Amino acid sequence: MADIHIVRAHSMPLKKAREAANGFADQLAEKFDLESEWDGDTLHFSRAGVSGTLALHKQEIVINARLGLLLSAFKSTFETHINDNLEQVFGAPAAPAKKAAGKKRA
């Protein structure tokens, strides 16, 4: 078995993020024949050999998925496809904030 864990920042209001997540779920359903269902702000998805969740939070999306034994070999393919779809639906990930250079005191 293989696990996938992806955390992605977003800047959308929760209602708009949920609409985007529905688009994301539609793309996954089309590509991987996944079924999905909302429970609050968490989208549960599954099919034979794959199960997981997409949890919406105020400023981030958290995806956890478990691939069965036969699909474990395709983990990197699934991760790439998920990240590509997240970028398409939610936009490019924000660049990490740069740390301010600390000043040395004499």
N, C-alpha and C. Protein backbone atom coordinates (compact mmCIF):
# COMPACT_ATOMS: atom_id res chain seq x y z
N MET A 1 0.83 -1.18 0.00
CA MET A 1 0.00 0.00 0.00
C MET A 1 0.88 1.25 0.00
N ALA A 2 0.37 2.31 -0.57
CA ALA A 2 1.10 3.58 -0.61
C ALA A 2 0.15 4.70 -0.21
N ASP A 3 0.68 5.64 0.53
CA ASP A 3 -0.11 6.79 0.96
C ASP A 3 0.35 8.04 0.24
N ILE A 4 -0.60 8.91 -0.07
CA ILE A 4 -0.33 10.20 -0.68
C ILE A 4 -0.84 11.26 0.29
N HIS A 5 0.00 12.26 0.55
CA HIS A 5 -0.39 13.36 1.43
C HIS A 5 0.06 14.65 0.75
N ILE A 6 -0.90 15.50 0.41
CA ILE A 6 -0.60 16.76 -0.26
C ILE A 6 -1.32 17.89 0.48
N VAL A 7 -0.57 18.94 0.82
CA VAL A 7 -1.14 20.13 1.44
C VAL A 7 -0.88 21.28 0.48
N ARG A 8 -1.93 22.02 0.17
CA ARG A 8 -1.82 23.09 -0.81
C ARG A 8 -2.51 24.34 -0.28
N ALA A 9 -1.81 25.45 -0.24
CA ALA A 9 -2.40 26.72 0.20
C ALA A 9 -3.34 27.25 -0.88
N HIS A 10 -4.38 27.95 -0.45
CA HIS A 10 -5.26 28.65 -1.39
C HIS A 10 -5.71 29.96 -0.76
N SER A 11 -6.18 30.86 -1.58
CA SER A 11 -6.61 32.17 -1.08
C SER A 11 -8.08 32.45 -1.41
N MET A 12 -8.83 31.41 -1.72
CA MET A 12 -10.23 31.56 -2.08
C MET A 12 -11.12 31.58 -0.84
N PRO A 13 -12.26 32.28 -0.93
CA PRO A 13 -13.26 32.11 0.14
C PRO A 13 -13.70 30.64 0.14
N LEU A 14 -14.12 30.15 1.29
CA LEU A 14 -14.44 28.72 1.42
C LEU A 14 -15.49 28.26 0.41
N LYS A 15 -16.50 29.10 0.15
CA LYS A 15 -17.56 28.73 -0.80
C LYS A 15 -16.97 28.54 -2.20
N LYS A 16 -16.09 29.45 -2.59
CA LYS A 16 -15.47 29.35 -3.92
C LYS A 16 -14.50 28.17 -3.97
N ALA A 17 -13.80 27.92 -2.87
CA ALA A 17 -12.88 26.77 -2.81
C ALA A 17 -13.66 25.47 -2.94
N ARG A 18 -14.86 25.43 -2.37
CA ARG A 18 -15.68 24.22 -2.48
C ARG A 18 -16.11 24.00 -3.93
N GLU A 19 -16.47 25.07 -4.63
CA GLU A 19 -16.82 24.96 -6.05
C GLU A 19 -15.62 24.44 -6.85
N ALA A 20 -14.43 24.97 -6.54
CA ALA A 20 -13.22 24.52 -7.22
C ALA A 20 -12.94 23.05 -6.90
N ALA A 21 -13.16 22.67 -5.64
CA ALA A 21 -12.95 21.27 -5.25
C ALA A 21 -13.92 20.35 -5.99
N ASN A 22 -15.14 20.82 -6.23
CA ASN A 22 -16.08 20.03 -7.03
C ASN A 22 -15.56 19.82 -8.44
N GLY A 23 -14.97 20.86 -9.02
CA GLY A 23 -14.36 20.74 -10.35
C GLY A 23 -13.20 19.75 -10.32
N PHE A 24 -12.41 19.82 -9.26
CA PHE A 24 -11.30 18.89 -9.08
C PHE A 24 -11.82 17.46 -8.99
N ALA A 25 -12.87 17.25 -8.21
CA ALA A 25 -13.47 15.91 -8.06
C ALA A 25 -14.01 15.41 -9.39
N ASP A 26 -14.62 16.31 -10.17
CA ASP A 26 -15.12 15.91 -11.49
C ASP A 26 -13.99 15.43 -12.38
N GLN A 27 -12.85 16.12 -12.33
CA GLN A 27 -11.70 15.72 -13.14
C GLN A 27 -11.16 14.36 -12.70
N LEU A 28 -11.09 14.15 -11.38
CA LEU A 28 -10.63 12.85 -10.88
C LEU A 28 -11.60 11.74 -11.26
N ALA A 29 -12.89 12.04 -11.18
CA ALA A 29 -13.90 11.03 -11.54
C ALA A 29 -13.75 10.63 -13.00
N GLU A 30 -13.52 11.63 -13.86
CA GLU A 30 -13.39 11.35 -15.29
C GLU A 30 -12.12 10.55 -15.58
N LYS A 31 -11.02 10.93 -14.96
CA LYS A 31 -9.72 10.30 -15.24
C LYS A 31 -9.58 8.93 -14.57
N PHE A 32 -10.03 8.82 -13.31
CA PHE A 32 -9.78 7.61 -12.54
C PHE A 32 -11.04 6.86 -12.13
N ASP A 33 -12.19 7.28 -12.62
CA ASP A 33 -13.46 6.62 -12.30
C ASP A 33 -13.73 6.60 -10.79
N LEU A 34 -13.43 7.72 -10.13
CA LEU A 34 -13.65 7.84 -8.69
C LEU A 34 -15.06 8.34 -8.39
N GLU A 35 -15.62 7.84 -7.33
CA GLU A 35 -16.88 8.36 -6.82
C GLU A 35 -16.56 9.22 -5.62
N SER A 36 -17.34 10.28 -5.41
CA SER A 36 -17.05 11.17 -4.29
C SER A 36 -18.33 11.65 -3.63
N GLU A 37 -18.19 12.04 -2.36
CA GLU A 37 -19.33 12.52 -1.58
C GLU A 37 -18.82 13.47 -0.50
N TRP A 38 -19.53 14.59 -0.31
CA TRP A 38 -19.17 15.57 0.70
C TRP A 38 -19.72 15.16 2.07
N ASP A 39 -18.93 15.42 3.09
CA ASP A 39 -19.34 15.33 4.49
C ASP A 39 -18.80 16.58 5.15
N GLY A 40 -19.64 17.61 5.26
CA GLY A 40 -19.16 18.90 5.75
C GLY A 40 -18.20 19.50 4.73
N ASP A 41 -17.00 19.86 5.17
CA ASP A 41 -16.00 20.43 4.28
C ASP A 41 -14.96 19.39 3.84
N THR A 42 -15.33 18.13 3.94
CA THR A 42 -14.43 17.05 3.53
C THR A 42 -15.08 16.23 2.42
N LEU A 43 -14.36 16.10 1.33
CA LEU A 43 -14.82 15.30 0.19
C LEU A 43 -14.17 13.93 0.29
N HIS A 44 -14.98 12.90 0.41
CA HIS A 44 -14.48 11.52 0.46
C HIS A 44 -14.56 10.95 -0.96
N PHE A 45 -13.50 10.31 -1.42
CA PHE A 45 -13.50 9.71 -2.75
C PHE A 45 -12.98 8.28 -2.67
N SER A 46 -13.45 7.48 -3.61
CA SER A 46 -13.02 6.07 -3.61
C SER A 46 -13.33 5.40 -4.93
N ARG A 47 -12.69 4.29 -5.11
CA ARG A 47 -12.92 3.32 -6.17
C ARG A 47 -12.12 2.10 -5.79
N ALA A 48 -12.22 1.04 -6.50
CA ALA A 48 -11.44 -0.15 -6.17
C ALA A 48 -9.96 0.20 -6.17
N GLY A 49 -9.29 -0.02 -5.05
CA GLY A 49 -7.86 0.21 -4.95
C GLY A 49 -7.45 1.61 -4.53
N VAL A 50 -8.40 2.54 -4.37
CA VAL A 50 -8.08 3.92 -3.99
C VAL A 50 -9.16 4.45 -3.05
N SER A 51 -8.74 5.08 -1.98
CA SER A 51 -9.69 5.80 -1.13
C SER A 51 -8.98 6.99 -0.54
N GLY A 52 -9.75 8.03 -0.22
CA GLY A 52 -9.10 9.20 0.36
C GLY A 52 -10.06 10.33 0.64
N THR A 53 -9.46 11.44 1.05
CA THR A 53 -10.24 12.64 1.38
C THR A 53 -9.55 13.88 0.85
N LEU A 54 -10.37 14.87 0.59
CA LEU A 54 -9.91 16.22 0.30
C LEU A 54 -10.59 17.10 1.33
N ALA A 55 -9.82 17.66 2.24
CA ALA A 55 -10.38 18.50 3.30
C ALA A 55 -10.12 19.97 2.97
N LEU A 56 -11.18 20.75 2.99
CA LEU A 56 -11.07 22.19 2.76
C LEU A 56 -10.92 22.91 4.09
N HIS A 57 -9.95 23.77 4.14
CA HIS A 57 -9.74 24.63 5.30
C HIS A 57 -9.71 26.07 4.80
N LYS A 58 -9.72 26.99 5.71
CA LYS A 58 -9.79 28.40 5.34
C LYS A 58 -8.70 28.83 4.36
N GLN A 59 -7.48 28.34 4.55
CA GLN A 59 -6.39 28.76 3.68
C GLN A 59 -5.61 27.62 3.05
N GLU A 60 -6.11 26.39 3.19
CA GLU A 60 -5.39 25.28 2.59
C GLU A 60 -6.32 24.12 2.26
N ILE A 61 -5.81 23.26 1.40
CA ILE A 61 -6.48 22.04 0.99
C ILE A 61 -5.55 20.90 1.42
N VAL A 62 -6.13 19.88 2.03
CA VAL A 62 -5.32 18.74 2.45
C VAL A 62 -5.91 17.49 1.78
N ILE A 63 -5.07 16.82 1.02
CA ILE A 63 -5.49 15.59 0.34
C ILE A 63 -4.71 14.42 0.94
N ASN A 64 -5.46 13.42 1.36
CA ASN A 64 -4.88 12.16 1.84
C ASN A 64 -5.52 11.05 1.03
N ALA A 65 -4.68 10.18 0.51
CA ALA A 65 -5.19 9.06 -0.28
C ALA A 65 -4.38 7.81 0.03
N ARG A 66 -5.04 6.70 -0.04
CA ARG A 66 -4.38 5.41 0.15
C ARG A 66 -4.59 4.59 -1.11
N LEU A 67 -3.47 4.14 -1.67
CA LEU A 67 -3.51 3.31 -2.88
C LEU A 67 -3.34 1.85 -2.47
N GLY A 68 -4.15 0.99 -3.03
CA GLY A 68 -4.03 -0.43 -2.76
C GLY A 68 -2.75 -1.00 -3.36
N LEU A 69 -2.50 -2.22 -3.07
CA LEU A 69 -1.26 -2.88 -3.48
C LEU A 69 -1.01 -2.79 -4.99
N LEU A 70 -2.02 -3.05 -5.78
CA LEU A 70 -1.83 -3.05 -7.24
C LEU A 70 -1.55 -1.66 -7.79
N LEU A 71 -2.10 -0.61 -7.15
CA LEU A 71 -1.91 0.74 -7.65
C LEU A 71 -0.72 1.46 -7.02
N SER A 72 -0.11 0.86 -6.01
CA SER A 72 1.03 1.48 -5.32
C SER A 72 2.17 1.82 -6.27
N ALA A 73 2.36 1.01 -7.28
CA ALA A 73 3.43 1.26 -8.25
C ALA A 73 3.22 2.55 -9.03
N PHE A 74 1.99 3.05 -9.05
CA PHE A 74 1.66 4.26 -9.80
C PHE A 74 1.53 5.49 -8.91
N LYS A 75 2.08 5.43 -7.70
CA LYS A 75 1.96 6.54 -6.75
C LYS A 75 2.42 7.86 -7.36
N SER A 76 3.59 7.88 -7.99
CA SER A 76 4.10 9.15 -8.54
C SER A 76 3.20 9.67 -9.66
N THR A 77 2.60 8.79 -10.43
CA THR A 77 1.67 9.20 -11.48
C THR A 77 0.44 9.87 -10.86
N PHE A 78 -0.10 9.25 -9.81
CA PHE A 78 -1.25 9.84 -9.12
C PHE A 78 -0.89 11.20 -8.53
N GLU A 79 0.28 11.30 -7.86
CA GLU A 79 0.68 12.57 -7.26
C GLU A 79 0.84 13.66 -8.31
N THR A 80 1.46 13.32 -9.42
CA THR A 80 1.63 14.30 -10.50
C THR A 80 0.29 14.76 -11.03
N HIS A 81 -0.61 13.82 -11.27
CA HIS A 81 -1.93 14.17 -11.79
C HIS A 81 -2.70 15.04 -10.79
N ILE A 82 -2.65 14.69 -9.51
CA ILE A 82 -3.34 15.46 -8.49
C ILE A 82 -2.78 16.89 -8.44
N ASN A 83 -1.46 17.02 -8.41
CA ASN A 83 -0.85 18.35 -8.36
C ASN A 83 -1.18 19.17 -9.60
N ASP A 84 -1.15 18.55 -10.78
CA ASP A 84 -1.51 19.25 -12.02
C ASP A 84 -2.95 19.74 -11.97
N ASN A 85 -3.86 18.89 -11.51
CA ASN A 85 -5.26 19.28 -11.43
C ASN A 85 -5.48 20.36 -10.37
N LEU A 86 -4.78 20.27 -9.25
CA LEU A 86 -4.90 21.31 -8.22
C LEU A 86 -4.47 22.66 -8.79
N GLU A 87 -3.37 22.65 -9.55
CA GLU A 87 -2.90 23.90 -10.17
C GLU A 87 -3.92 24.44 -11.16
N GLN A 88 -4.51 23.55 -11.94
CA GLN A 88 -5.50 23.97 -12.93
C GLN A 88 -6.74 24.55 -12.26
N VAL A 89 -7.19 23.93 -11.17
CA VAL A 89 -8.44 24.33 -10.53
C VAL A 89 -8.24 25.45 -9.51
N PHE A 90 -7.17 25.38 -8.72
CA PHE A 90 -6.96 26.36 -7.65
C PHE A 90 -5.89 27.40 -7.99
N GLY A 91 -5.19 27.24 -9.08
CA GLY A 91 -4.12 28.16 -9.44
C GLY A 91 -2.78 27.64 -8.94
N ALA A 92 -1.73 28.30 -9.40
CA ALA A 92 -0.37 27.89 -9.01
C ALA A 92 -0.18 28.05 -7.51
N PRO A 93 0.61 27.17 -6.92
CA PRO A 93 0.85 27.30 -5.48
C PRO A 93 1.61 28.58 -5.19
N ALA A 94 1.33 29.18 -4.05
CA ALA A 94 2.02 30.41 -3.66
C ALA A 94 3.49 30.11 -3.38
N ALA A 95 4.34 31.04 -3.75
CA ALA A 95 5.76 30.87 -3.45
C ALA A 95 5.96 30.98 -1.95
N PRO A 96 6.89 30.22 -1.41
CA PRO A 96 7.13 30.32 0.03
C PRO A 96 7.59 31.72 0.41
N ALA A 97 7.13 32.20 1.55
CA ALA A 97 7.52 33.53 2.01
C ALA A 97 9.00 33.52 2.37
N LYS A 98 9.68 34.59 1.98
CA LYS A 98 11.10 34.69 2.31
C LYS A 98 11.24 35.19 3.74
N LYS A 99 12.20 34.63 4.43
CA LYS A 99 12.45 35.06 5.80
C LYS A 99 13.23 36.36 5.77
N ALA A 100 12.84 37.26 6.66
CA ALA A 100 13.56 38.54 6.75
C ALA A 100 14.93 38.28 7.34
N ALA A 101 15.93 38.93 6.76
CA ALA A 101 17.29 38.75 7.26
C ALA A 101 17.41 39.43 8.61
N GLY A 102 17.92 38.70 9.56
CA GLY A 102 18.09 39.27 10.90
C GLY A 102 19.30 40.16 10.96
N LYS A 103 19.21 41.23 11.74
CA LYS A 103 20.34 42.14 11.90
C LYS A 103 21.12 41.72 13.12
N LYS A 104 22.42 41.78 12.98
CA LYS A 104 23.29 41.46 14.12
C LYS A 104 23.51 42.71 14.92
N ARG A 105 23.48 42.53 16.20
CA ARG A 105 23.75 43.66 17.09
C ARG A 105 25.20 43.60 17.53
N ALA A 106 25.78 44.77 17.68
CA ALA A 106 27.19 44.84 18.11
C ALA A 106 27.31 44.77 19.60
